[in-house]
Amino acid sequence: MRPAGAATINLRLAAVRRMADEASDTGLLSPDLAAAIRRVQGARRIGVRVGNWLSAQEGLRSAGKSMRAIATELNQAGLRTRAGTP
């Protein structure tokens, strides 16, 4: 069996924390024990993100294009923007 990744461990730990809080609220678990469970630290995420990430300039350029596309769609649908109103 493969060991679980950090994201999986942290996701499951979050569920255990929520369950401990609920159990404490209903009186099934002492508040001290629930607080101790809440203090358990999650798994560290180490490594480098891989993939094709945009630079800041590329992100701004892409955002500008999408805003123009949205404005064009709204204009064609009959909605007017301040910049597009004659």
PDB file of N, CA and C in Angstrom:
ATOM      1  N   MET A   1       0.841  -1.180   0.000  1.00  0.00           N
ATOM      2  CA  MET A   1       0.000   0.000   0.000  1.00  0.00           C
ATOM      3  C   MET A   1       0.888   1.245   0.000  1.00  0.00           C
ATOM      4  N   ARG A   2       0.577   2.186  -0.901  1.00  0.00           N
ATOM      5  CA  ARG A   2       1.354   3.422  -1.002  1.00  0.00           C
ATOM      6  C   ARG A   2       1.042   4.355   0.152  1.00  0.00           C
ATOM      7  N   PRO A   3       2.038   5.062   0.655  1.00  0.00           N
ATOM      8  CA  PRO A   3       1.753   6.050   1.702  1.00  0.00           C
ATOM      9  C   PRO A   3       0.955   7.213   1.115  1.00  0.00           C
ATOM     10  N   ALA A   4       0.066   7.774   1.926  1.00  0.00           N
ATOM     11  CA  ALA A   4      -0.781   8.876   1.475  1.00  0.00           C
ATOM     12  C   ALA A   4       0.040  10.150   1.351  1.00  0.00           C
ATOM     13  N   GLY A   5      -0.341  10.997   0.426  1.00  0.00           N
ATOM     14  CA  GLY A   5       0.332  12.276   0.238  1.00  0.00           C
ATOM     15  C   GLY A   5      -0.075  13.276   1.310  1.00  0.00           C
ATOM     16  N   ALA A   6       0.646  14.384   1.360  1.00  0.00           N
ATOM     17  CA  ALA A   6       0.401  15.403   2.379  1.00  0.00           C
ATOM     18  C   ALA A   6      -1.012  15.985   2.256  1.00  0.00           C
ATOM     19  N   ALA A   7      -1.473  16.219   1.043  1.00  0.00           N
ATOM     20  CA  ALA A   7      -2.808  16.794   0.854  1.00  0.00           C
ATOM     21  C   ALA A   7      -3.889  15.843   1.367  1.00  0.00           C
ATOM     22  N   THR A   8      -3.724  14.554   1.121  1.00  0.00           N
ATOM     23  CA  THR A   8      -4.691  13.563   1.591  1.00  0.00           C
ATOM     24  C   THR A   8      -4.698  13.493   3.108  1.00  0.00           C
ATOM     25  N   ILE A   9      -3.518  13.499   3.697  1.00  0.00           N
ATOM     26  CA  ILE A   9      -3.418  13.457   5.158  1.00  0.00           C
ATOM     27  C   ILE A   9      -4.091  14.683   5.767  1.00  0.00           C
ATOM     28  N   ASN A  10      -3.818  15.858   5.212  1.00  0.00           N
ATOM     29  CA  ASN A  10      -4.393  17.092   5.749  1.00  0.00           C
ATOM     30  C   ASN A  10      -5.908  17.132   5.579  1.00  0.00           C
ATOM     31  N   LEU A  11      -6.411  16.583   4.492  1.00  0.00           N
ATOM     32  CA  LEU A  11      -7.848  16.526   4.271  1.00  0.00           C
ATOM     33  C   LEU A  11      -8.523  15.634   5.308  1.00  0.00           C
ATOM     34  N   ARG A  12      -7.931  14.485   5.550  1.00  0.00           N
ATOM     35  CA  ARG A  12      -8.493  13.558   6.540  1.00  0.00           C
ATOM     36  C   ARG A  12      -8.363  14.119   7.952  1.00  0.00           C
ATOM     37  N   LEU A  13      -7.273  14.804   8.229  1.00  0.00           N
ATOM     38  CA  LEU A  13      -7.077  15.417   9.538  1.00  0.00           C
ATOM     39  C   LEU A  13      -8.109  16.518   9.785  1.00  0.00           C
ATOM     40  N   ALA A  14      -8.449  17.260   8.747  1.00  0.00           N
ATOM     41  CA  ALA A  14      -9.474  18.297   8.873  1.00  0.00           C
ATOM     42  C   ALA A  14     -10.819  17.671   9.237  1.00  0.00           C
ATOM     43  N   ALA A  15     -11.129  16.518   8.640  1.00  0.00           N
ATOM     44  CA  ALA A  15     -12.387  15.834   8.957  1.00  0.00           C
ATOM     45  C   ALA A  15     -12.390  15.354  10.412  1.00  0.00           C
ATOM     46  N   VAL A  16     -11.254  14.852  10.876  1.00  0.00           N
ATOM     47  CA  VAL A  16     -11.161  14.401  12.270  1.00  0.00           C
ATOM     48  C   VAL A  16     -11.326  15.591  13.217  1.00  0.00           C
ATOM     49  N   ARG A  17     -10.719  16.731  12.868  1.00  0.00           N
ATOM     50  CA  ARG A  17     -10.864  17.941  13.694  1.00  0.00           C
ATOM     51  C   ARG A  17     -12.327  18.375  13.781  1.00  0.00           C
ATOM     52  N   ARG A  18     -13.009  18.365  12.633  1.00  0.00           N
ATOM     53  CA  ARG A  18     -14.430  18.754  12.635  1.00  0.00           C
ATOM     54  C   ARG A  18     -15.253  17.801  13.486  1.00  0.00           C
ATOM     55  N   MET A  19     -14.973  16.501  13.367  1.00  0.00           N
ATOM     56  CA  MET A  19     -15.706  15.510  14.147  1.00  0.00           C
ATOM     57  C   MET A  19     -15.441  15.697  15.637  1.00  0.00           C
ATOM     58  N   ALA A  20     -14.203  16.013  16.005  1.00  0.00           N
ATOM     59  CA  ALA A  20     -13.879  16.251  17.412  1.00  0.00           C
ATOM     60  C   ALA A  20     -14.607  17.478  17.936  1.00  0.00           C
ATOM     61  N   ASP A  21     -14.703  18.520  17.122  1.00  0.00           N
ATOM     62  CA  ASP A  21     -15.446  19.728  17.533  1.00  0.00           C
ATOM     63  C   ASP A  21     -16.920  19.415  17.750  1.00  0.00           C
ATOM     64  N   GLU A  22     -17.503  18.663  16.811  1.00  0.00           N
ATOM     65  CA  GLU A  22     -18.912  18.283  16.954  1.00  0.00           C
ATOM     66  C   GLU A  22     -19.140  17.430  18.196  1.00  0.00           C
ATOM     67  N   ALA A  23     -18.232  16.483  18.433  1.00  0.00           N
ATOM     68  CA  ALA A  23     -18.358  15.613  19.599  1.00  0.00           C
ATOM     69  C   ALA A  23     -18.213  16.413  20.884  1.00  0.00           C
ATOM     70  N   SER A  24     -17.349  17.412  20.868  1.00  0.00           N
ATOM     71  CA  SER A  24     -17.189  18.267  22.041  1.00  0.00           C
ATOM     72  C   SER A  24     -18.440  19.107  22.271  1.00  0.00           C
ATOM     73  N   ASP A  25     -19.020  19.628  21.194  1.00  0.00           N
ATOM     74  CA  ASP A  25     -20.233  20.452  21.307  1.00  0.00           C
ATOM     75  C   ASP A  25     -21.414  19.654  21.852  1.00  0.00           C
ATOM     76  N   THR A  26     -21.491  18.374  21.511  1.00  0.00           N
ATOM     77  CA  THR A  26     -22.606  17.546  21.973  1.00  0.00           C
ATOM     78  C   THR A  26     -22.328  16.863  23.307  1.00  0.00           C
ATOM     79  N   GLY A  27     -21.114  17.039  23.833  1.00  0.00           N
ATOM     80  CA  GLY A  27     -20.781  16.476  25.132  1.00  0.00           C
ATOM     81  C   GLY A  27     -20.222  15.070  25.090  1.00  0.00           C
ATOM     82  N   LEU A  28     -19.951  14.546  23.910  1.00  0.00           N
ATOM     83  CA  LEU A  28     -19.397  13.201  23.802  1.00  0.00           C
ATOM     84  C   LEU A  28     -17.885  13.176  24.032  1.00  0.00           C
ATOM     85  N   LEU A  29     -17.256  14.333  23.953  1.00  0.00           N
ATOM     86  CA  LEU A  29     -15.811  14.437  24.089  1.00  0.00           C
ATOM     87  C   LEU A  29     -15.509  15.647  24.962  1.00  0.00           C
ATOM     88  N   SER A  30     -14.534  15.526  25.826  1.00  0.00           N
ATOM     89  CA  SER A  30     -14.209  16.655  26.700  1.00  0.00           C
ATOM     90  C   SER A  30     -13.613  17.795  25.874  1.00  0.00           C
ATOM     91  N   PRO A  31     -13.857  19.042  26.272  1.00  0.00           N
ATOM     92  CA  PRO A  31     -13.303  20.182  25.536  1.00  0.00           C
ATOM     93  C   PRO A  31     -11.772  20.162  25.487  1.00  0.00           C
ATOM     94  N   ASP A  32     -11.132  19.650  26.553  1.00  0.00           N
ATOM     95  CA  ASP A  32      -9.672  19.576  26.563  1.00  0.00           C
ATOM     96  C   ASP A  32      -9.152  18.617  25.499  1.00  0.00           C
ATOM     97  N   LEU A  33      -9.812  17.475  25.369  1.00  0.00           N
ATOM     98  CA  LEU A  33      -9.389  16.506  24.371  1.00  0.00           C
ATOM     99  C   LEU A  33      -9.636  17.040  22.956  1.00  0.00           C
ATOM    100  N   ALA A  34     -10.751  17.719  22.755  1.00  0.00           N
ATOM    101  CA  ALA A  34     -11.049  18.310  21.444  1.00  0.00           C
ATOM    102  C   ALA A  34     -10.011  19.376  21.100  1.00  0.00           C
ATOM    103  N   ALA A  35      -9.593  20.159  22.106  1.00  0.00           N
ATOM    104  CA  ALA A  35      -8.572  21.172  21.864  1.00  0.00           C
ATOM    105  C   ALA A  35      -7.235  20.533  21.513  1.00  0.00           C
ATOM    106  N   ALA A  36      -6.921  19.416  22.151  1.00  0.00           N
ATOM    107  CA  ALA A  36      -5.680  18.708  21.850  1.00  0.00           C
ATOM    108  C   ALA A  36      -5.701  18.163  20.422  1.00  0.00           C
ATOM    109  N   ILE A  37      -6.842  17.658  19.993  1.00  0.00           N
ATOM    110  CA  ILE A  37      -6.970  17.151  18.622  1.00  0.00           C
ATOM    111  C   ILE A  37      -6.822  18.293  17.634  1.00  0.00           C
ATOM    112  N   ARG A  38      -7.389  19.454  17.956  1.00  0.00           N
ATOM    113  CA  ARG A  38      -7.296  20.620  17.089  1.00  0.00           C
ATOM    114  C   ARG A  38      -5.846  21.083  16.919  1.00  0.00           C
ATOM    115  N   ARG A  39      -5.016  20.873  17.936  1.00  0.00           N
ATOM    116  CA  ARG A  39      -3.618  21.331  17.888  1.00  0.00           C
ATOM    117  C   ARG A  39      -2.697  20.409  17.104  1.00  0.00           C
ATOM    118  N   VAL A  40      -3.159  19.239  16.705  1.00  0.00           N
ATOM    119  CA  VAL A  40      -2.320  18.314  15.936  1.00  0.00           C
ATOM    120  C   VAL A  40      -1.955  18.975  14.608  1.00  0.00           C
ATOM    121  N   GLN A  41      -0.658  19.007  14.318  1.00  0.00           N
ATOM    122  CA  GLN A  41      -0.209  19.672  13.102  1.00  0.00           C
ATOM    123  C   GLN A  41      -0.368  18.760  11.898  1.00  0.00           C
ATOM    124  N   GLY A  42      -0.654  19.365  10.776  1.00  0.00           N
ATOM    125  CA  GLY A  42      -0.816  18.621   9.539  1.00  0.00           C
ATOM    126  C   GLY A  42       0.515  18.263   8.920  1.00  0.00           C
ATOM    127  N   ALA A  43       0.449  17.501   7.855  1.00  0.00           N
ATOM    128  CA  ALA A  43       1.657  17.090   7.137  1.00  0.00           C
ATOM    129  C   ALA A  43       2.189  18.263   6.326  1.00  0.00           C
ATOM    130  N   ARG A  44       3.490  18.389   6.284  1.00  0.00           N
ATOM    131  CA  ARG A  44       4.117  19.465   5.516  1.00  0.00           C
ATOM    132  C   ARG A  44       4.081  19.129   4.033  1.00  0.00           C
ATOM    133  N   ARG A  45       3.792  20.142   3.254  1.00  0.00           N
ATOM    134  CA  ARG A  45       3.824  19.982   1.805  1.00  0.00           C
ATOM    135  C   ARG A  45       5.188  20.456   1.326  1.00  0.00           C
ATOM    136  N   ILE A  46       5.948  19.541   0.779  1.00  0.00           N
ATOM    137  CA  ILE A  46       7.259  19.913   0.257  1.00  0.00           C
ATOM    138  C   ILE A  46       7.305  19.572  -1.214  1.00  0.00           C
ATOM    139  N   GLY A  47       8.135  20.249  -1.921  1.00  0.00           N
ATOM    140  CA  GLY A  47       8.270  19.984  -3.340  1.00  0.00           C
ATOM    141  C   GLY A  47       8.117  21.259  -4.142  1.00  0.00           C
ATOM    142  N   VAL A  48       8.183  21.115  -5.421  1.00  0.00           N
ATOM    143  CA  VAL A  48       8.099  22.231  -6.346  1.00  0.00           C
ATOM    144  C   VAL A  48       6.878  22.025  -7.223  1.00  0.00           C
ATOM    145  N   ARG A  49       6.121  23.092  -7.406  1.00  0.00           N
ATOM    146  CA  ARG A  49       4.971  22.989  -8.304  1.00  0.00           C
ATOM    147  C   ARG A  49       5.467  22.881  -9.738  1.00  0.00           C
ATOM    148  N   VAL A  50       4.887  21.953 -10.458  1.00  0.00           N
ATOM    149  CA  VAL A  50       5.299  21.762 -11.840  1.00  0.00           C
ATOM    150  C   VAL A  50       4.165  22.194 -12.748  1.00  0.00           C
ATOM    151  N   GLY A  51       4.505  22.491 -13.960  1.00  0.00           N
ATOM    152  CA  GLY A  51       3.498  22.884 -14.925  1.00  0.00           C
ATOM    153  C   GLY A  51       3.898  24.168 -15.623  1.00  0.00           C
ATOM    154  N   ASN A  52       3.037  24.651 -16.446  1.00  0.00           N
ATOM    155  CA  ASN A  52       3.295  25.859 -17.216  1.00  0.00           C
ATOM    156  C   ASN A  52       2.586  27.023 -16.533  1.00  0.00           C
ATOM    157  N   TRP A  53       3.289  27.734 -15.670  1.00  0.00           N
ATOM    158  CA  TRP A  53       2.704  28.837 -14.922  1.00  0.00           C
ATOM    159  C   TRP A  53       2.909  30.134 -15.676  1.00  0.00           C
ATOM    160  N   LEU A  54       1.916  31.019 -15.605  1.00  0.00           N
ATOM    161  CA  LEU A  54       2.008  32.308 -16.282  1.00  0.00           C
ATOM    162  C   LEU A  54       2.850  33.271 -15.470  1.00  0.00           C
ATOM    163  N   SER A  55       3.587  34.127 -16.167  1.00  0.00           N
ATOM    164  CA  SER A  55       4.283  35.206 -15.483  1.00  0.00           C
ATOM    165  C   SER A  55       3.242  36.270 -15.137  1.00  0.00           C
ATOM    166  N   ALA A  56       3.609  37.265 -14.342  1.00  0.00           N
ATOM    167  CA  ALA A  56       2.678  38.326 -13.952  1.00  0.00           C
ATOM    168  C   ALA A  56       2.182  39.078 -15.183  1.00  0.00           C
ATOM    169  N   GLN A  57       3.092  39.347 -16.109  1.00  0.00           N
ATOM    170  CA  GLN A  57       2.715  40.085 -17.317  1.00  0.00           C
ATOM    171  C   GLN A  57       1.752  39.256 -18.184  1.00  0.00           C
ATOM    172  N   GLU A  58       2.029  37.969 -18.321  1.00  0.00           N
ATOM    173  CA  GLU A  58       1.149  37.098 -19.106  1.00  0.00           C
ATOM    174  C   GLU A  58      -0.227  36.986 -18.455  1.00  0.00           C
ATOM    175  N   GLY A  59      -0.266  36.946 -17.127  1.00  0.00           N
ATOM    176  CA  GLY A  59      -1.542  36.881 -16.425  1.00  0.00           C
ATOM    177  C   GLY A  59      -2.379  38.120 -16.642  1.00  0.00           C
ATOM    178  N   LEU A  60      -1.737  39.286 -16.582  1.00  0.00           N
ATOM    179  CA  LEU A  60      -2.470  40.532 -16.823  1.00  0.00           C
ATOM    180  C   LEU A  60      -2.978  40.608 -18.255  1.00  0.00           C
ATOM    181  N   ARG A  61      -2.154  40.174 -19.195  1.00  0.00           N
ATOM    182  CA  ARG A  61      -2.566  40.180 -20.603  1.00  0.00           C
ATOM    183  C   ARG A  61      -3.767  39.257 -20.806  1.00  0.00           C
ATOM    184  N   SER A  62      -3.720  38.084 -20.179  1.00  0.00           N
ATOM    185  CA  SER A  62      -4.810  37.121 -20.293  1.00  0.00           C
ATOM    186  C   SER A  62      -6.084  37.664 -19.653  1.00  0.00           C
ATOM    187  N   ALA A  63      -5.945  38.329 -18.496  1.00  0.00           N
ATOM    188  CA  ALA A  63      -7.112  38.899 -17.824  1.00  0.00           C
ATOM    189  C   ALA A  63      -7.741  39.995 -18.665  1.00  0.00           C
ATOM    190  N   GLY A  64      -6.909  40.802 -19.315  1.00  0.00           N
ATOM    191  CA  GLY A  64      -7.429  41.864 -20.179  1.00  0.00           C
ATOM    192  C   GLY A  64      -8.222  41.305 -21.341  1.00  0.00           C
ATOM    193  N   LYS A  65      -7.717  40.216 -21.930  1.00  0.00           N
ATOM    194  CA  LYS A  65      -8.422  39.593 -23.052  1.00  0.00           C
ATOM    195  C   LYS A  65      -9.764  39.029 -22.603  1.00  0.00           C
ATOM    196  N   SER A  66      -9.794  38.401 -21.429  1.00  0.00           N
ATOM    197  CA  SER A  66     -11.052  37.818 -20.971  1.00  0.00           C
ATOM    198  C   SER A  66     -12.055  38.902 -20.613  1.00  0.00           C
ATOM    199  N   MET A  67     -11.592  40.033 -20.071  1.00  0.00           N
ATOM    200  CA  MET A  67     -12.513  41.130 -19.756  1.00  0.00           C
ATOM    201  C   MET A  67     -13.107  41.709 -21.036  1.00  0.00           C
ATOM    202  N   ARG A  68     -12.282  41.847 -22.072  1.00  0.00           N
ATOM    203  CA  ARG A  68     -12.803  42.342 -23.351  1.00  0.00           C
ATOM    204  C   ARG A  68     -13.819  41.359 -23.932  1.00  0.00           C
ATOM    205  N   ALA A  69     -13.550  40.068 -23.803  1.00  0.00           N
ATOM    206  CA  ALA A  69     -14.477  39.060 -24.323  1.00  0.00           C
ATOM    207  C   ALA A  69     -15.804  39.108 -23.571  1.00  0.00           C
ATOM    208  N   ILE A  70     -15.758  39.294 -22.252  1.00  0.00           N
ATOM    209  CA  ILE A  70     -16.993  39.391 -21.463  1.00  0.00           C
ATOM    210  C   ILE A  70     -17.768  40.634 -21.858  1.00  0.00           C
ATOM    211  N   ALA A  71     -17.072  41.766 -22.005  1.00  0.00           N
ATOM    212  CA  ALA A  71     -17.743  43.011 -22.399  1.00  0.00           C
ATOM    213  C   ALA A  71     -18.381  42.864 -23.775  1.00  0.00           C
ATOM    214  N   THR A  72     -17.710  42.191 -24.697  1.00  0.00           N
ATOM    215  CA  THR A  72     -18.257  41.970 -26.035  1.00  0.00           C
ATOM    216  C   THR A  72     -19.527  41.124 -25.968  1.00  0.00           C
ATOM    217  N   GLU A  73     -19.491  40.054 -25.168  1.00  0.00           N
ATOM    218  CA  GLU A  73     -20.671  39.194 -25.024  1.00  0.00           C
ATOM    219  C   GLU A  73     -21.845  39.962 -24.421  1.00  0.00           C
ATOM    220  N   LEU A  74     -21.581  40.750 -23.387  1.00  0.00           N
ATOM    221  CA  LEU A  74     -22.653  41.539 -22.771  1.00  0.00           C
ATOM    222  C   LEU A  74     -23.216  42.547 -23.756  1.00  0.00           C
ATOM    223  N   ASN A  75     -22.341  43.177 -24.543  1.00  0.00           N
ATOM    224  CA  ASN A  75     -22.766  44.159 -25.529  1.00  0.00           C
ATOM    225  C   ASN A  75     -23.640  43.510 -26.591  1.00  0.00           C
ATOM    226  N   GLN A  76     -23.245  42.313 -27.039  1.00  0.00           N
ATOM    227  CA  GLN A  76     -24.033  41.612 -28.054  1.00  0.00           C
ATOM    228  C   GLN A  76     -25.365  41.133 -27.492  1.00  0.00           C
ATOM    229  N   ALA A  77     -25.420  40.916 -26.191  1.00  0.00           N
ATOM    230  CA  ALA A  77     -26.665  40.472 -25.568  1.00  0.00           C
ATOM    231  C   ALA A  77     -27.613  41.644 -25.305  1.00  0.00           C
ATOM    232  N   GLY A  78     -27.158  42.861 -25.589  1.00  0.00           N
ATOM    233  CA  GLY A  78     -28.022  44.016 -25.409  1.00  0.00           C
ATOM    234  C   GLY A  78     -27.736  44.800 -24.148  1.00  0.00           C
ATOM    235  N   LEU A  79     -26.809  44.366 -23.350  1.00  0.00           N
ATOM    236  CA  LEU A  79     -26.432  45.106 -22.153  1.00  0.00           C
ATOM    237  C   LEU A  79     -25.326  46.079 -22.505  1.00  0.00           C
ATOM    238  N   ARG A  80     -25.402  47.258 -21.963  1.00  0.00           N
ATOM    239  CA  ARG A  80     -24.405  48.277 -22.271  1.00  0.00           C
ATOM    240  C   ARG A  80     -23.520  48.530 -21.070  1.00  0.00           C
ATOM    241  N   THR A  81     -22.250  48.722 -21.312  1.00  0.00           N
ATOM    242  CA  THR A  81     -21.328  49.118 -20.263  1.00  0.00           C
ATOM    243  C   THR A  81     -21.072  50.612 -20.404  1.00  0.00           C
ATOM    244  N   ARG A  82     -20.524  51.229 -19.367  1.00  0.00           N
ATOM    245  CA  ARG A  82     -20.238  52.665 -19.436  1.00  0.00           C
ATOM    246  C   ARG A  82     -19.314  52.986 -20.589  1.00  0.00           C
ATOM    247  N   ALA A  83     -18.283  52.190 -20.783  1.00  0.00           N
ATOM    248  CA  ALA A  83     -17.324  52.453 -21.843  1.00  0.00           C
ATOM    249  C   ALA A  83     -17.951  52.245 -23.228  1.00  0.00           C
ATOM    250  N   GLY A  84     -18.899  51.335 -23.330  1.00  0.00           N
ATOM    251  CA  GLY A  84     -19.500  51.040 -24.618  1.00  0.00           C
ATOM    252  C   GLY A  84     -20.729  51.875 -24.929  1.00  0.00           C
ATOM    253  N   THR A  85     -21.210  52.687 -23.973  1.00  0.00           N
ATOM    254  CA  THR A  85     -22.399  53.506 -24.201  1.00  0.00           C
ATOM    255  C   THR A  85     -22.026  54.747 -24.989  1.00  0.00           C
ATOM    256  N   PRO A  86     -22.731  55.041 -26.094  1.00  0.00           N
ATOM    257  CA  PRO A  86     -22.404  56.239 -26.886  1.00  0.00           C
ATOM    258  C   PRO A  86     -22.784  57.510 -26.171  1.00  0.00           C
TER     259      PRO A  86
END
